[in-house]
N, C-alpha and C. Protein backbone atom coordinates (compact mmCIF):
# COMPACT_ATOMS: atom_id res chain seq x y z
N MET A 1 98.68 92.16 114.47
CA MET A 1 98.61 92.25 115.86
C MET A 1 97.51 93.47 116.21
N THR A 2 97.69 94.79 115.45
CA THR A 2 97.21 96.06 115.59
C THR A 2 95.44 95.68 114.86
N ASN A 3 95.68 95.10 114.00
CA ASN A 3 94.77 94.94 113.37
C ASN A 3 93.66 93.69 114.54
N PHE A 4 94.23 93.16 114.70
CA PHE A 4 93.08 92.19 115.42
C PHE A 4 92.55 93.51 116.84
N VAL A 5 93.65 93.95 116.86
CA VAL A 5 92.84 95.27 118.95
C VAL A 5 92.28 96.32 117.81
N ASP A 6 92.15 96.40 116.55
CA ASP A 6 90.81 97.76 116.14
C ASP A 6 90.08 96.78 115.36
N GLY A 7 90.16 95.60 115.12
CA GLY A 7 88.49 95.02 115.32
C GLY A 7 88.33 94.83 116.47
N THR A 8 88.31 94.05 117.46
CA THR A 8 88.66 94.31 118.46
C THR A 8 87.52 95.01 118.91
N ALA A 9 88.11 96.35 119.42
CA ALA A 9 87.35 97.92 119.53
C ALA A 9 86.30 98.03 118.57
N PHE A 10 86.32 97.69 117.70
CA PHE A 10 85.22 98.04 116.26
C PHE A 10 84.12 97.32 117.10
N ASN A 11 84.04 95.60 117.18
CA ASN A 11 82.91 95.01 117.31
C ASN A 11 82.01 95.24 118.93
N ASN A 12 83.37 95.46 119.83
CA ASN A 12 82.49 95.97 121.37
C ASN A 12 82.07 97.26 121.14
N GLU A 13 82.45 98.40 119.76
CA GLU A 13 81.75 99.73 119.72
C GLU A 13 80.56 98.84 119.51
N GLN A 14 80.58 98.60 117.89
CA GLN A 14 79.31 97.71 117.73
C GLN A 14 78.18 96.98 118.35
N GLY A 15 78.59 96.44 119.13
CA GLY A 15 77.67 95.74 120.32
C GLY A 15 77.52 96.35 121.32
N ASN A 16 78.03 97.73 121.53
CA ASN A 16 77.04 99.19 122.03
C ASN A 16 76.10 99.39 121.85
N ARG A 17 76.82 99.94 120.56
CA ARG A 17 75.49 100.61 119.46
C ARG A 17 74.44 99.75 120.18
N ALA A 18 74.39 98.65 119.76
CA ALA A 18 73.11 97.38 119.59
C ALA A 18 72.90 97.49 120.70
N ARG A 19 73.12 97.73 122.11
CA ARG A 19 72.30 97.61 123.32
C ARG A 19 71.97 98.59 123.47
N LYS A 20 72.83 100.23 123.23
CA LYS A 20 71.49 100.91 123.05
C LYS A 20 70.71 101.13 122.45
N LEU A 21 70.89 100.78 121.44
CA LEU A 21 69.37 100.88 120.38
C LEU A 21 68.42 100.16 120.84
N PHE A 22 68.55 98.55 121.65
CA PHE A 22 67.25 97.81 122.02
C PHE A 22 66.89 98.16 123.42
N ALA A 23 67.92 99.12 124.29
CA ALA A 23 67.31 99.78 125.15
C ALA A 23 66.39 101.05 124.74
N ALA A 24 66.45 101.85 123.79
CA ALA A 24 65.37 102.27 123.16
C ALA A 24 64.68 102.22 122.57
N VAL A 25 64.50 100.94 122.33
CA VAL A 25 62.90 100.05 122.32
C VAL A 25 62.39 99.65 123.50
N VAL A 26 63.11 99.31 124.60
CA VAL A 26 62.60 99.60 125.86
C VAL A 26 61.94 99.97 126.68
N LEU A 27 62.43 101.69 126.30
CA LEU A 27 61.96 103.20 126.91
C LEU A 27 60.51 103.08 125.76
N ALA A 28 60.63 102.83 124.32
CA ALA A 28 59.77 102.72 124.14
C ALA A 28 58.38 102.73 124.49
N ALA A 29 59.05 100.95 124.89
CA ALA A 29 58.12 99.71 125.13
C ALA A 29 57.18 100.63 126.45
N LEU A 30 57.80 100.78 127.60
CA LEU A 30 57.97 101.42 128.45
C LEU A 30 56.65 102.60 128.50
N ASP A 31 56.62 103.81 126.81
CA ASP A 31 56.57 104.71 127.31
C ASP A 31 54.98 104.36 126.40
N ASP A 32 54.95 103.51 125.41
CA ASP A 32 53.75 102.68 124.66
C ASP A 32 52.64 102.64 126.22
N ALA A 33 53.22 101.75 126.87
CA ALA A 33 52.55 101.17 128.16
C ALA A 33 51.58 102.41 129.37
N ILE A 34 52.45 102.91 129.36
CA ILE A 34 52.30 104.65 129.74
C ILE A 34 50.99 105.47 129.37
N ALA A 35 51.47 105.33 128.18
CA ALA A 35 50.07 105.93 127.24
C ALA A 35 48.87 105.26 127.62
N ASP A 36 48.96 104.04 127.28
CA ASP A 36 47.73 102.45 127.51
C ASP A 36 47.38 103.02 128.36
N ASP A 37 47.90 102.50 129.83
CA ASP A 37 47.61 103.16 131.37
C ASP A 37 46.71 104.11 131.43
N LYS A 38 47.93 104.98 130.89
CA LYS A 38 46.21 106.73 131.03
C LYS A 38 45.06 106.82 129.94
N LYS A 39 45.06 106.23 128.85
CA LYS A 39 43.96 105.89 128.13
C LYS A 39 42.78 104.65 128.81
N TYR A 40 43.50 103.48 129.04
CA TYR A 40 42.51 102.52 128.98
C TYR A 40 42.98 101.40 130.65
N GLY A 41 43.66 102.03 130.88
CA GLY A 41 43.79 101.61 132.33
C GLY A 41 45.05 100.25 132.43
N ASN A 42 44.80 100.10 131.06
CA ASN A 42 45.88 98.04 131.39
C ASN A 42 47.46 98.84 131.24
N GLY A 43 48.22 99.40 131.52
CA GLY A 43 49.48 99.91 131.21
C GLY A 43 50.64 98.38 131.76
N PRO A 44 49.79 98.12 133.20
CA PRO A 44 51.32 97.46 134.08
C PRO A 44 50.77 95.96 132.80
N GLU A 45 49.10 95.76 132.99
CA GLU A 45 49.57 94.28 132.17
C GLU A 45 50.05 94.28 130.95
N GLN A 46 49.90 95.52 129.70
CA GLN A 46 50.46 95.02 128.83
C GLN A 46 51.73 95.22 128.56
N ILE A 47 52.77 96.05 129.67
CA ILE A 47 54.75 95.71 129.48
C ILE A 47 54.56 94.50 130.23
N ALA A 48 53.71 93.96 131.26
CA ALA A 48 54.40 92.52 131.71
C ALA A 48 53.78 91.40 130.46
N ARG A 49 52.91 91.92 129.96
CA ARG A 49 52.47 90.92 128.98
C ARG A 49 53.40 90.59 127.30
N TRP A 50 54.20 92.40 127.66
CA TRP A 50 55.24 92.05 126.11
C TRP A 50 56.55 91.81 126.72
N ALA A 51 56.84 91.79 127.74
CA ALA A 51 58.21 91.15 128.82
C ALA A 51 58.06 89.93 128.98
N ARG A 52 57.22 89.29 129.07
CA ARG A 52 56.96 88.32 129.18
C ARG A 52 56.98 87.65 127.52
N SER A 53 56.51 87.72 126.99
CA SER A 53 56.57 87.68 125.31
C SER A 53 57.99 87.30 124.76
N ARG A 54 58.34 86.47 124.02
CA ARG A 54 59.27 85.68 123.07
C ARG A 54 59.80 87.36 122.86
N ASP A 55 59.55 87.81 121.84
CA ASP A 55 59.84 89.42 121.18
C ASP A 55 60.65 90.06 122.32
N GLY A 56 59.19 90.33 123.38
CA GLY A 56 59.80 91.08 124.70
C GLY A 56 60.90 90.33 125.17
N ARG A 57 60.97 89.44 125.55
CA ARG A 57 62.36 88.72 126.46
C ARG A 57 63.76 88.61 125.15
N GLU A 58 63.20 88.93 124.45
CA GLU A 58 64.73 88.58 123.20
C GLU A 58 65.76 90.24 123.01
N VAL A 59 64.34 91.37 122.94
CA VAL A 59 64.40 92.87 123.07
C VAL A 59 65.35 93.13 124.63
N LEU A 60 65.03 92.33 125.81
CA LEU A 60 65.27 92.52 127.06
C LEU A 60 66.67 92.69 126.99
N THR A 61 66.84 91.07 126.61
CA THR A 61 68.65 90.82 126.60
C THR A 61 69.41 91.01 125.56
N CYS A 62 69.00 91.34 124.48
CA CYS A 62 69.66 92.53 124.30
C CYS A 62 70.54 93.54 123.97
N ALA A 63 69.37 94.52 125.55
CA ALA A 63 69.68 95.33 125.75
C ALA A 63 70.22 95.63 126.72
N GLY A 64 70.59 94.14 127.52
CA GLY A 64 71.75 93.81 128.88
C GLY A 64 70.63 94.00 129.75
N ILE A 65 69.35 94.09 129.36
CA ILE A 65 68.52 93.18 130.83
C ILE A 65 68.42 91.80 131.25
N ASP A 66 68.57 91.01 131.57
CA ASP A 66 67.44 89.63 132.55
C ASP A 66 66.49 89.64 132.35
N PRO A 67 65.77 89.07 131.76
CA PRO A 67 64.56 88.84 131.47
C PRO A 67 63.61 88.20 132.40
N ASN A 68 63.39 87.58 133.86
CA ASN A 68 62.85 87.41 134.53
C ASN A 68 62.29 88.44 135.35
N GLU A 69 61.23 87.61 136.05
CA GLU A 69 60.15 87.95 136.87
C GLU A 69 60.46 88.87 137.55
N ARG A 70 61.47 88.84 138.35
CA ARG A 70 61.80 90.67 139.17
C ARG A 70 61.70 91.81 138.50
N VAL A 71 62.14 92.05 136.94
CA VAL A 71 62.09 92.87 136.39
C VAL A 71 60.94 93.13 135.96
N VAL A 72 60.35 91.74 135.38
CA VAL A 72 58.65 92.16 134.26
C VAL A 72 58.64 92.84 136.09
N LYS A 73 58.17 92.36 136.81
CA LYS A 73 57.41 92.88 138.66
C LYS A 73 58.07 94.87 138.19
N GLY A 74 59.02 94.86 138.40
CA GLY A 74 59.95 96.25 137.87
C GLY A 74 59.65 97.24 136.97
N LEU A 75 58.60 96.77 135.76
CA LEU A 75 58.77 97.73 134.74
C LEU A 75 57.24 97.57 135.06
N MET A 76 56.38 96.56 135.67
CA MET A 76 54.80 97.01 136.05
C MET A 76 54.67 97.84 137.29
N ASP A 77 55.66 98.12 137.97
CA ASP A 77 55.86 99.53 138.49
C ASP A 77 56.19 100.46 138.18
N PHE A 78 56.87 100.38 136.46
CA PHE A 78 57.03 102.16 136.64
C PHE A 78 56.09 102.71 135.62
N VAL A 79 55.56 101.48 135.17
CA VAL A 79 54.33 101.68 134.15
C VAL A 79 53.55 102.54 135.58
N ALA A 80 52.93 101.52 136.08
CA ALA A 80 52.12 102.03 137.57
C ALA A 80 51.81 103.49 137.98
N LYS A 81 53.29 103.47 137.80
CA LYS A 81 53.53 105.86 138.49
C LYS A 81 53.32 106.19 137.82
N GLY A 82 53.30 106.00 136.15
CA GLY A 82 52.94 106.85 134.99
C GLY A 82 53.85 107.85 135.11
N VAL A 83 55.37 108.00 134.90
CA VAL A 83 55.30 108.74 134.41
C VAL A 83 56.69 108.42 133.47
N ARG A 84 56.79 109.63 132.29
CA ARG A 84 57.17 109.12 130.80
C ARG A 84 58.60 109.07 131.04
N THR A 85 59.44 108.12 130.28
CA THR A 85 60.79 107.68 130.71
C THR A 85 61.60 108.68 130.55
N SER A 86 61.34 109.80 129.65
CA SER A 86 61.60 110.95 129.07
C SER A 86 61.93 111.81 130.80
N VAL A 87 61.08 112.05 130.83
CA VAL A 87 60.87 112.67 132.68
C VAL A 87 61.21 111.91 133.45
N ALA A 88 61.19 110.36 133.18
CA ALA A 88 62.04 110.15 134.67
C ALA A 88 63.56 109.85 134.22
N LEU A 89 63.98 109.82 133.16
CA LEU A 89 65.46 110.21 132.63
C LEU A 89 65.88 111.10 133.30
N SER A 90 65.31 112.77 133.81
CA SER A 90 66.18 113.94 133.55
C SER A 90 66.60 114.67 134.76
N ARG A 91 67.23 115.40 134.98
CA ARG A 91 68.02 115.55 135.81
C ARG A 91 67.03 116.03 137.04
N GLU A 92 66.07 117.29 136.38
CA GLU A 92 65.42 117.84 137.48
C GLU A 92 64.22 117.07 138.13
N GLU A 93 63.63 115.99 137.86
CA GLU A 93 62.84 114.47 138.40
C GLU A 93 63.99 113.83 139.74
N SER A 94 64.75 113.45 139.02
CA SER A 94 65.74 112.98 139.57
C SER A 94 66.31 113.95 141.03
N GLU A 95 66.23 115.22 141.16
CA GLU A 95 66.59 116.09 142.00
C GLU A 95 65.51 116.00 142.96
N ARG A 96 64.43 116.14 142.47
CA ARG A 96 63.16 115.91 143.04
C ARG A 96 62.81 115.07 143.99
N ARG A 97 63.15 113.87 143.50
CA ARG A 97 62.69 112.27 144.30
C ARG A 97 63.86 112.35 144.85
N ASN A 98 64.62 113.27 145.03
CA ASN A 98 65.50 112.66 145.95
C ASN A 98 65.23 113.99 146.84
N ALA A 99 65.06 115.55 146.66
CA ALA A 99 64.48 116.06 147.88
C ALA A 99 63.46 115.76 148.35
N ALA A 100 62.43 114.81 148.03
CA ALA A 100 61.19 114.69 148.31
C ALA A 100 61.74 113.38 149.11
N GLU A 101 62.72 112.12 148.90
CA GLU A 101 62.78 111.30 149.56
C GLU A 101 63.70 111.57 151.10
N ALA A 102 64.52 113.36 150.66
CA ALA A 102 65.53 113.37 152.22
C ALA A 102 63.87 114.31 153.19
N LEU A 103 62.95 114.87 152.54
CA LEU A 103 62.31 115.30 153.27
C LEU A 103 61.33 114.38 154.31
N ALA A 104 61.33 113.34 153.46
CA ALA A 104 60.80 112.00 153.93
C ALA A 104 61.50 111.41 154.93
N ARG A 105 62.29 111.08 155.13
CA ARG A 105 64.00 111.26 156.06
C ARG A 105 63.48 111.39 157.04
N ALA A 106 63.54 112.80 156.71
CA ALA A 106 63.90 114.13 157.81
C ALA A 106 62.40 114.21 159.21
N ALA A 107 61.27 113.62 158.33
CA ALA A 107 60.15 113.36 159.24
C ALA A 107 59.99 112.28 160.13
N ALA A 108 60.61 111.23 159.15
CA ALA A 108 60.47 109.80 160.48
C ALA A 108 61.21 110.15 161.42
């Protein structure tokens, strides 16, 4: 019985690691699209083309993201904002965004 539990826990842990690895690939694709947007001006189209491709859909699925049009639109919007993923995921950026939203609500 303990071998079954250990095996299940190990498989779950391996699955979580694989999901994180594919999520890192998605973040790298976003960064590449943002760089393309700054250099060539076609970042949102690039990420949409990738997300709709067979490889892109496979990577998104393995990362635990449902590859539907709503997700593609969200990826395109993220790239259009031009904020690198490392900055967007940082605490300072999150606090800055929350403060800006609070000011906007207070002004309204």
